[in-house]
């Protein structure tokens, strides 16, 4: 069977997908690149909020911090508190969403006296960029249609990568130059194709990782399948331990504000001074189990964190997931975001992924120009087999 009709059909598929999703891909790529060094940019913009003067007095407990914050009228209800073991680090406090669904800006607090230092600069900007990257600013955020649309676009990207690889397969397969060097001698359409295909080869594996990990947040069936594939068999099949007898206690309405000191002390007993930061997330709907995510001092990235669920009333640790004790597959699942952003390779990986994401508009522009040039050179009634004969070398 001739390869020409197959390549012509693949070219049509590649072109239709590109025309359909290229603008969305360019938007996702640019916003992803902007977020690549969000933490570093935020640290520069808010240097005066992130650091405090170290003092000989002990730091306040999370309960004391929340109490002073609410007494000062700065916040009505707190949803999360990020503590730090650094004597010069401030505490980050996140507030619950308003009735409209908007989340107020976080606050940075002095851990020694509970004084509010201020709200971080740039947080609202990056929050908008993140919503644009994940959900295209479609109403409903993670519960709306935006996540499905970006998921479909990610699947389309995988199809474009596969079809593009077949279309640009060089005649001299073993030639590194043919794979990785644009043909600078070509002009116009030929050069556009060379740049489009060669640059696509440079970033193909990165885009494939971005697409496959991005689907994690778009489709529950994909996330469940990946969890089944990578999770430890013995953990997944382990019998569920019987729950201890429920202890009688007052209802949430009678108990008043949740006291989290027991949960915090249980965490400190377990982790001691091994943690760098610890985020305490308050329970919803009147529950009493607090989630504490801690990043150890020796962690190179955010995904290498431990997670505890502790009952604030009894101080009992309901569950503990220590990253260092996880099997390889479980570490992969815990590092999906780090793989998606390139952080799994350290700052060089994040820089490489940022540059690759920034190239998304290049493929949209060159792909659109190639499509227009083919339309100009193709008579209206030419068959697909004949049209394949007009393609430039490699196309």
Protein backbone atom coordinates (compact mmCIF):
# COMPACT_ATOMS: atom_id res chain seq x y z
CA UNK A 1 0.00 0.00 0.00
CA UNK A 2 1.32 3.43 -0.93
CA UNK A 3 2.40 5.65 1.92
CA UNK A 4 1.30 8.81 0.12
CA UNK A 5 -2.48 8.51 0.83
CA UNK A 6 -1.72 7.60 4.45
CA UNK A 7 0.48 10.63 4.94
CA UNK A 8 -2.08 12.83 3.19
CA UNK A 9 -4.77 11.58 5.56
CA UNK A 10 -2.52 12.11 8.58
CA UNK A 11 -1.75 15.61 7.34
CA UNK A 12 -5.47 16.35 7.20
CA UNK A 13 -5.94 15.05 10.74
CA UNK A 14 -2.94 17.00 11.99
CA UNK A 15 -4.11 20.18 10.27
CA UNK A 16 -7.72 19.94 11.48
CA UNK A 17 -6.60 19.32 15.06
CA UNK A 18 -4.15 22.19 14.86
CA UNK A 19 -6.70 24.63 13.49
CA UNK A 20 -9.18 23.55 16.17
CA UNK A 21 -7.07 23.60 19.31
CA UNK A 22 -3.90 25.57 18.49
CA UNK A 23 -5.12 28.84 20.00
CA UNK A 24 -6.19 27.10 23.22
CA UNK A 25 -2.86 25.26 23.34
CA UNK A 26 -1.00 28.53 22.89
CA UNK A 27 -2.98 30.07 25.74
CA UNK A 28 -2.34 27.08 28.00
CA UNK A 29 1.35 27.09 27.10
CA UNK A 30 1.88 30.79 27.80
CA UNK A 31 0.00 30.69 31.11
CA UNK A 32 1.93 27.58 32.14
CA UNK A 33 5.19 29.33 31.35
CA UNK A 34 4.14 32.33 33.44
CA UNK A 35 3.49 30.07 36.44
CA UNK A 36 6.77 28.17 36.16
CA UNK A 37 8.61 30.36 38.66
CA UNK A 38 5.62 31.69 40.58
CA UNK A 39 7.15 30.98 43.99
CA UNK A 40 10.41 32.71 43.14
CA UNK A 41 8.62 35.74 41.71
CA UNK A 42 6.37 35.91 44.75
CA UNK A 43 9.37 35.70 47.07
CA UNK A 44 10.96 38.72 45.37
CA UNK A 45 7.75 40.75 45.32
CA UNK A 46 6.92 39.98 48.95
CA UNK A 47 10.36 39.81 50.57
CA UNK A 48 9.22 42.14 53.35
CA UNK A 49 6.25 39.87 54.19
CA UNK A 50 8.02 36.51 54.11
CA UNK A 51 10.74 37.39 56.60
CA UNK A 52 10.49 38.59 60.21
CA UNK A 53 13.04 39.36 62.87
CA UNK A 54 13.98 36.28 64.89
CA UNK A 55 13.35 36.67 68.62
CA UNK A 56 14.17 34.73 71.75
CA UNK A 57 10.49 34.32 72.65
CA UNK A 58 8.67 31.17 71.48
CA UNK A 59 6.49 31.25 68.39
CA UNK A 60 2.72 31.28 68.88
CA UNK A 61 0.78 28.08 68.36
CA UNK A 62 -1.68 27.90 65.44
CA UNK A 63 -4.58 28.33 67.88
CA UNK A 64 -3.08 31.47 69.37
CA UNK A 65 -2.35 32.89 65.93
CA UNK A 66 -5.89 32.31 64.71
CA UNK A 67 -7.35 33.72 67.93
CA UNK A 68 -5.31 36.93 67.70
CA UNK A 69 -6.10 37.29 64.02
CA UNK A 70 -9.84 36.99 64.63
CA UNK A 71 -9.72 39.24 67.69
CA UNK A 72 -8.09 41.97 65.62
CA UNK A 73 -10.94 41.78 63.11
CA UNK A 74 -8.59 40.93 60.22
CA UNK A 75 -10.35 37.64 59.45
CA UNK A 76 -13.68 36.10 60.31
CA UNK A 77 -12.84 32.47 59.55
CA UNK A 78 -9.59 30.75 58.66
CA UNK A 79 -9.39 27.77 56.30
CA UNK A 80 -5.65 27.00 56.48
CA UNK A 81 -2.53 28.03 58.34
CA UNK A 82 0.99 27.38 57.04
CA UNK A 83 3.48 27.22 59.87
CA UNK A 84 7.25 27.29 59.45
CA UNK A 85 10.16 26.01 61.48
CA UNK A 86 12.32 28.89 60.25
CA UNK A 87 12.67 31.40 63.11
CA UNK A 88 12.77 34.17 60.50
CA UNK A 89 9.80 32.96 58.47
CA UNK A 90 6.29 34.40 58.63
CA UNK A 91 3.06 32.42 58.82
CA UNK A 92 0.68 32.29 55.85
CA UNK A 93 -3.05 32.30 56.64
CA UNK A 94 -5.67 31.42 54.05
CA UNK A 95 -9.29 32.50 54.54
CA UNK A 96 -12.50 30.72 53.56
CA UNK A 97 -14.32 31.69 50.41
CA UNK A 98 -16.95 34.40 50.50
CA UNK A 99 -20.62 33.73 49.73
CA UNK A 100 -19.96 34.81 46.15
CA UNK A 101 -17.35 32.05 45.80
CA UNK A 102 -14.38 34.42 45.67
CA UNK A 103 -11.47 33.70 47.97
CA UNK A 104 -10.02 36.63 49.92
CA UNK A 105 -6.31 37.29 49.64
CA UNK A 106 -4.08 35.35 51.99
CA UNK A 107 -2.45 37.12 54.91
CA UNK A 108 1.07 36.89 56.27
CA UNK A 109 1.35 37.03 60.05
CA UNK A 110 4.23 37.53 62.48
CA UNK A 111 4.58 34.14 64.29
CA UNK A 112 5.77 35.80 67.52
CA UNK A 113 3.01 38.33 68.21
CA UNK A 114 0.28 37.57 65.66
CA UNK A 115 0.63 40.97 63.97
CA UNK A 116 -0.70 41.03 60.41
CA UNK A 117 2.10 41.91 58.00
CA UNK A 118 -0.11 42.28 54.93
CA UNK A 119 -1.47 40.51 51.86
CA UNK A 120 0.95 39.21 49.22
CA UNK A 121 1.45 41.19 46.02
CA UNK A 122 0.76 39.31 42.80
CA UNK A 123 -1.38 36.56 44.36
CA UNK A 124 -4.57 37.62 42.55
CA UNK A 125 -2.70 37.82 39.25
CA UNK A 126 -1.32 34.30 39.52
CA UNK A 127 -4.70 33.01 40.72
CA UNK A 128 -6.28 34.36 37.53
CA UNK A 129 -3.48 32.91 35.39
CA UNK A 130 -3.96 29.55 37.10
CA UNK A 131 -7.71 29.58 36.41
CA UNK A 132 -7.01 30.49 32.80
CA UNK A 133 -4.48 27.66 32.50
CA UNK A 134 -6.67 25.01 34.08
CA UNK A 135 -10.23 26.03 33.27
CA UNK A 136 -9.98 28.83 30.67
CA UNK A 137 -11.80 31.13 33.15
CA UNK A 138 -15.04 29.26 32.44
CA UNK A 139 -17.51 29.63 35.35
CA UNK A 140 -17.52 26.77 37.83
CA UNK A 141 -13.73 26.45 37.94
CA UNK A 142 -12.86 22.81 38.63
CA UNK A 143 -16.55 21.85 38.63
CA UNK A 144 -17.35 23.53 35.32
CA UNK A 145 -16.76 22.62 31.69
CA UNK A 146 -13.32 24.18 31.59
CA UNK A 147 -11.51 21.15 32.92
CA UNK A 148 -13.12 18.86 30.34
CA UNK A 149 -12.25 21.24 27.51
CA UNK A 150 -8.60 21.42 28.53
CA UNK A 151 -8.63 17.63 28.83
CA UNK A 152 -9.91 17.21 25.29
CA UNK A 153 -7.26 19.67 24.11
CA UNK A 154 -4.58 17.59 25.89
CA UNK A 155 -5.79 14.46 24.10
CA UNK A 156 -5.70 16.40 20.84
CA UNK A 157 -2.12 17.40 21.59
CA UNK A 158 -1.12 13.75 22.00
CA UNK A 159 -2.73 12.93 18.63
CA UNK A 160 -0.91 15.85 17.02
CA UNK A 161 2.43 14.71 18.44
CA UNK A 162 1.97 11.20 17.07
CA UNK A 163 0.77 12.32 13.64
CA UNK A 164 3.44 15.02 13.48
CA UNK A 165 6.18 12.47 14.21
CA UNK A 166 4.99 10.26 11.36
CA UNK A 167 4.73 13.21 8.97
CA UNK A 168 8.22 14.55 9.68
CA UNK A 169 9.94 11.14 9.70
CA UNK A 170 13.14 11.89 7.76
CA UNK A 171 14.53 9.78 4.98
CA UNK A 172 17.84 9.50 6.84
CA UNK A 173 16.54 8.23 10.17
CA UNK A 174 19.96 7.86 11.75
CA UNK A 175 20.99 11.42 10.95
CA UNK A 176 20.92 13.59 14.07
CA UNK A 177 21.15 16.64 11.83
CA UNK A 178 17.98 15.65 9.98
CA UNK A 179 16.12 15.30 13.29
CA UNK A 180 17.35 18.30 15.22
CA UNK A 181 18.65 20.99 12.84
CA UNK A 182 16.35 23.29 10.83
CA UNK A 183 17.17 23.69 7.16
CA UNK A 184 18.23 27.34 7.05
CA UNK A 185 18.69 27.19 3.26
CA UNK A 186 14.95 26.78 2.68
CA UNK A 187 12.70 29.77 2.12
CA UNK A 188 9.13 30.62 3.02
CA UNK A 189 6.97 27.49 3.13
CA UNK A 190 9.88 25.09 3.21
CA UNK A 191 11.55 26.95 6.06
CA UNK A 192 8.26 27.21 7.95
CA UNK A 193 7.84 23.46 7.73
CA UNK A 194 11.44 22.80 8.76
CA UNK A 195 11.13 25.09 11.79
CA UNK A 196 7.73 23.67 12.72
CA UNK A 197 8.83 20.04 12.50
CA UNK A 198 12.32 20.36 14.00
CA UNK A 199 11.20 22.50 16.93
CA UNK A 200 8.40 20.00 17.45
CA UNK A 201 10.99 17.25 17.71
CA UNK A 202 12.89 19.22 20.37
CA UNK A 203 9.87 19.53 22.64
CA UNK A 204 7.92 16.39 21.73
CA UNK A 205 8.73 14.40 24.87
CA UNK A 206 8.12 17.43 27.10
CA UNK A 207 4.74 18.10 25.49
CA UNK A 208 3.84 14.43 25.83
CA UNK A 209 4.61 14.54 29.57
CA UNK A 210 2.67 17.78 29.94
CA UNK A 211 -0.37 16.35 28.15
CA UNK A 212 -0.41 12.99 29.93
CA UNK A 213 0.00 14.55 33.38
CA UNK A 214 -2.42 17.40 32.59
CA UNK A 215 -5.18 14.84 32.00
CA UNK A 216 -4.88 14.00 35.72
CA UNK A 217 -6.87 17.14 36.59
CA UNK A 218 -9.35 16.91 33.71
CA UNK A 219 -10.92 13.47 33.92
CA UNK A 220 -11.70 11.42 37.01
CA UNK A 221 -11.57 8.19 35.02
CA UNK A 222 -8.01 9.02 33.95
CA UNK A 223 -6.96 9.83 37.50
CA UNK A 224 -8.56 6.63 38.81
CA UNK A 225 -6.86 4.59 36.09
CA UNK A 226 -3.45 6.12 36.81
CA UNK A 227 -3.95 5.51 40.52
CA UNK A 228 -4.83 1.87 39.88
CA UNK A 229 -1.80 1.48 37.60
CA UNK A 230 0.84 3.08 39.82
CA UNK A 231 -0.41 2.56 43.36
CA UNK A 232 1.13 -0.19 45.46
CA UNK A 233 -0.80 -3.43 45.11
CA UNK A 234 -0.42 -4.35 48.75
CA UNK A 235 -1.62 -0.91 49.81
CA UNK A 236 -4.57 -0.93 47.44
CA UNK A 237 -5.59 -4.42 48.52
CA UNK A 238 -4.94 -3.96 52.21
CA UNK A 239 -7.99 -4.56 54.40
CA UNK A 240 -9.52 -1.48 55.94
CA UNK A 241 -8.84 -1.34 59.64
CA UNK A 242 -11.85 -1.33 61.92
CA UNK A 243 -12.75 2.11 63.18
CA UNK A 244 -12.38 2.66 66.91
CA UNK A 245 -15.55 3.16 68.94
CA UNK A 246 -16.93 6.64 68.46
CA UNK A 247 -16.20 8.77 71.47
CA UNK A 248 -19.12 10.79 72.79
CA UNK A 249 -18.58 14.48 72.32
CA UNK A 250 -20.55 17.60 71.93
CA UNK A 251 -21.84 18.62 68.54
CA UNK A 252 -19.93 21.12 66.46
CA UNK A 253 -22.51 23.76 67.28
CA UNK A 254 -22.11 23.21 71.04
CA UNK A 255 -18.35 22.84 70.97
CA UNK A 256 -17.70 26.30 69.55
CA UNK A 257 -14.52 27.06 67.60
CA UNK A 258 -12.39 24.02 66.87
CA UNK A 259 -9.29 23.81 69.07
CA UNK A 260 -6.41 22.51 67.00
CA UNK A 261 -3.70 22.45 69.68
CA UNK A 262 -3.93 18.68 70.21
CA UNK A 263 -3.58 18.02 66.49
CA UNK A 264 -0.60 20.36 66.29
CA UNK A 265 1.12 18.76 69.27
CA UNK A 266 0.51 15.29 67.84
CA UNK A 267 2.12 16.43 64.59
CA UNK A 268 5.12 17.92 66.42
CA UNK A 269 5.55 14.69 68.38
CA UNK A 270 5.60 12.76 65.11
CA UNK A 271 7.76 15.14 63.06
CA UNK A 272 9.70 17.06 65.72
CA UNK A 273 11.88 19.60 63.91
CA UNK A 274 12.18 17.64 60.66
CA UNK A 275 9.59 19.78 58.88
CA UNK A 276 10.32 23.01 57.00
CA UNK A 277 6.69 24.08 56.53
CA UNK A 278 3.41 22.57 57.65
CA UNK A 279 0.00 23.54 56.28
CA UNK A 280 -2.94 22.89 58.59
CA UNK A 281 -6.24 22.73 56.68
CA UNK A 282 -9.39 23.05 58.78
CA UNK A 283 -12.17 20.48 58.33
CA UNK A 284 -15.37 21.29 56.47
CA UNK A 285 -18.97 20.77 57.56
CA UNK A 286 -18.30 20.64 61.27
CA UNK A 287 -15.76 17.80 61.12
CA UNK A 288 -12.87 17.43 63.54
CA UNK A 289 -10.12 15.82 61.43
CA UNK A 290 -7.41 18.28 60.40
CA UNK A 291 -5.19 17.64 57.39
CA UNK A 292 -1.54 18.60 57.84
CA UNK A 293 0.76 18.60 54.82
CA UNK A 294 4.40 19.07 55.74
CA UNK A 295 7.47 19.55 53.60
CA UNK A 296 10.61 18.07 55.24
CA UNK A 297 13.74 20.18 55.51
CA UNK A 298 15.66 17.99 53.09
CA UNK A 299 12.97 18.01 50.38
CA UNK A 300 14.05 19.33 47.01
CA UNK A 301 10.51 20.01 45.78
CA UNK A 302 6.96 20.53 46.94
CA UNK A 303 5.74 17.08 45.89
CA UNK A 304 8.03 15.36 48.40
CA UNK A 305 5.71 16.08 51.30
CA UNK A 306 4.22 14.08 54.11
CA UNK A 307 0.52 14.13 54.92
CA UNK A 308 -1.23 13.54 58.23
CA UNK A 309 -4.88 13.47 59.20
CA UNK A 310 -5.30 14.11 62.91
CA UNK A 311 -8.44 14.33 65.04
CA UNK A 312 -8.37 17.72 66.73
CA UNK A 313 -10.50 16.51 69.65
CA UNK A 314 -8.57 13.39 70.61
CA UNK A 315 -5.19 14.15 69.04
CA UNK A 316 -5.25 10.71 67.43
CA UNK A 317 -3.45 10.35 64.08
CA UNK A 318 -6.05 8.88 61.73
CA UNK A 319 -3.58 8.41 58.87
CA UNK A 320 0.02 9.24 58.01
CA UNK A 321 1.60 9.15 54.55
CA UNK A 322 5.37 9.60 54.66
CA UNK A 323 6.84 10.32 51.23
CA UNK A 324 10.16 8.62 51.97
CA UNK A 325 8.36 5.37 52.87
CA UNK A 326 6.26 5.22 49.70
CA UNK A 327 6.84 2.76 46.89
CA UNK A 328 8.04 4.08 43.53
CA UNK A 329 4.57 4.12 41.98
CA UNK A 330 3.10 6.01 44.91
CA UNK A 331 5.91 8.56 44.66
CA UNK A 332 5.02 9.03 40.99
CA UNK A 333 1.39 9.72 41.92
CA UNK A 334 2.48 12.19 44.59
CA UNK A 335 4.70 13.98 42.08
CA UNK A 336 2.25 14.46 39.19
CA UNK A 337 2.38 18.25 39.50
CA UNK A 338 6.19 18.21 39.72
CA UNK A 339 6.37 16.06 36.58
CA UNK A 340 3.88 18.32 34.81
CA UNK A 341 5.93 21.43 35.55
CA UNK A 342 9.39 19.88 35.21
CA UNK A 343 10.16 20.48 38.89
CA UNK A 344 11.03 16.80 39.25
CA UNK A 345 14.32 17.73 37.49
CA UNK A 346 14.96 20.72 39.74
CA UNK A 347 15.13 24.32 38.55
CA UNK A 348 16.82 23.32 35.24
CA UNK A 349 13.80 21.13 34.52
CA UNK A 350 11.39 23.94 35.32
CA UNK A 351 13.35 26.28 33.05
CA UNK A 352 13.34 23.72 30.23
CA UNK A 353 9.59 23.12 30.58
CA UNK A 354 8.96 26.87 30.74
CA UNK A 355 10.82 27.42 27.48
CA UNK A 356 8.96 24.54 25.84
CA UNK A 357 5.60 25.91 27.00
CA UNK A 358 6.58 29.34 25.67
CA UNK A 359 7.03 27.80 22.20
CA UNK A 360 3.36 26.81 21.94
CA UNK A 361 2.44 30.02 20.04
CA UNK A 362 5.24 29.31 17.54
CA UNK A 363 3.57 26.06 16.47
CA UNK A 364 0.20 27.79 16.23
CA UNK A 365 1.62 30.51 13.95
CA UNK A 366 3.79 28.27 11.74
CA UNK A 367 1.07 25.64 11.51
CA UNK A 368 -1.49 28.23 10.42
CA UNK A 369 0.90 29.67 7.82
CA UNK A 370 1.57 26.19 6.43
CA UNK A 371 -2.15 25.54 6.15
CA UNK A 372 -2.72 28.80 4.27
CA UNK A 373 0.17 28.11 1.89
CA UNK A 374 -1.22 24.67 1.10
CA UNK A 375 -4.65 26.15 0.41
CA UNK A 376 -3.15 28.64 -2.05
CA UNK A 377 -1.20 25.96 -3.93
CA UNK A 378 -3.98 23.38 -4.05
CA UNK A 379 -6.58 23.54 -6.87
CA UNK A 380 -10.11 23.13 -5.64
CA UNK A 381 -10.72 19.69 -7.14
CA UNK A 382 -7.30 18.09 -6.67
CA UNK A 383 -7.45 14.68 -5.08
CA UNK A 384 -5.76 13.91 -1.80
CA UNK A 385 -3.20 11.71 -3.57
CA UNK A 386 -2.25 14.52 -5.92
CA UNK A 387 -2.12 17.05 -3.13
CA UNK A 388 0.35 14.86 -1.26
CA UNK A 389 2.68 15.27 -4.19
CA UNK A 390 2.89 19.03 -3.66
CA UNK A 391 4.11 18.77 -0.11
CA UNK A 392 7.52 20.11 0.77
CA UNK A 393 10.33 17.74 1.68
CA UNK A 394 9.47 15.96 4.88
CA UNK A 395 5.83 17.06 4.75
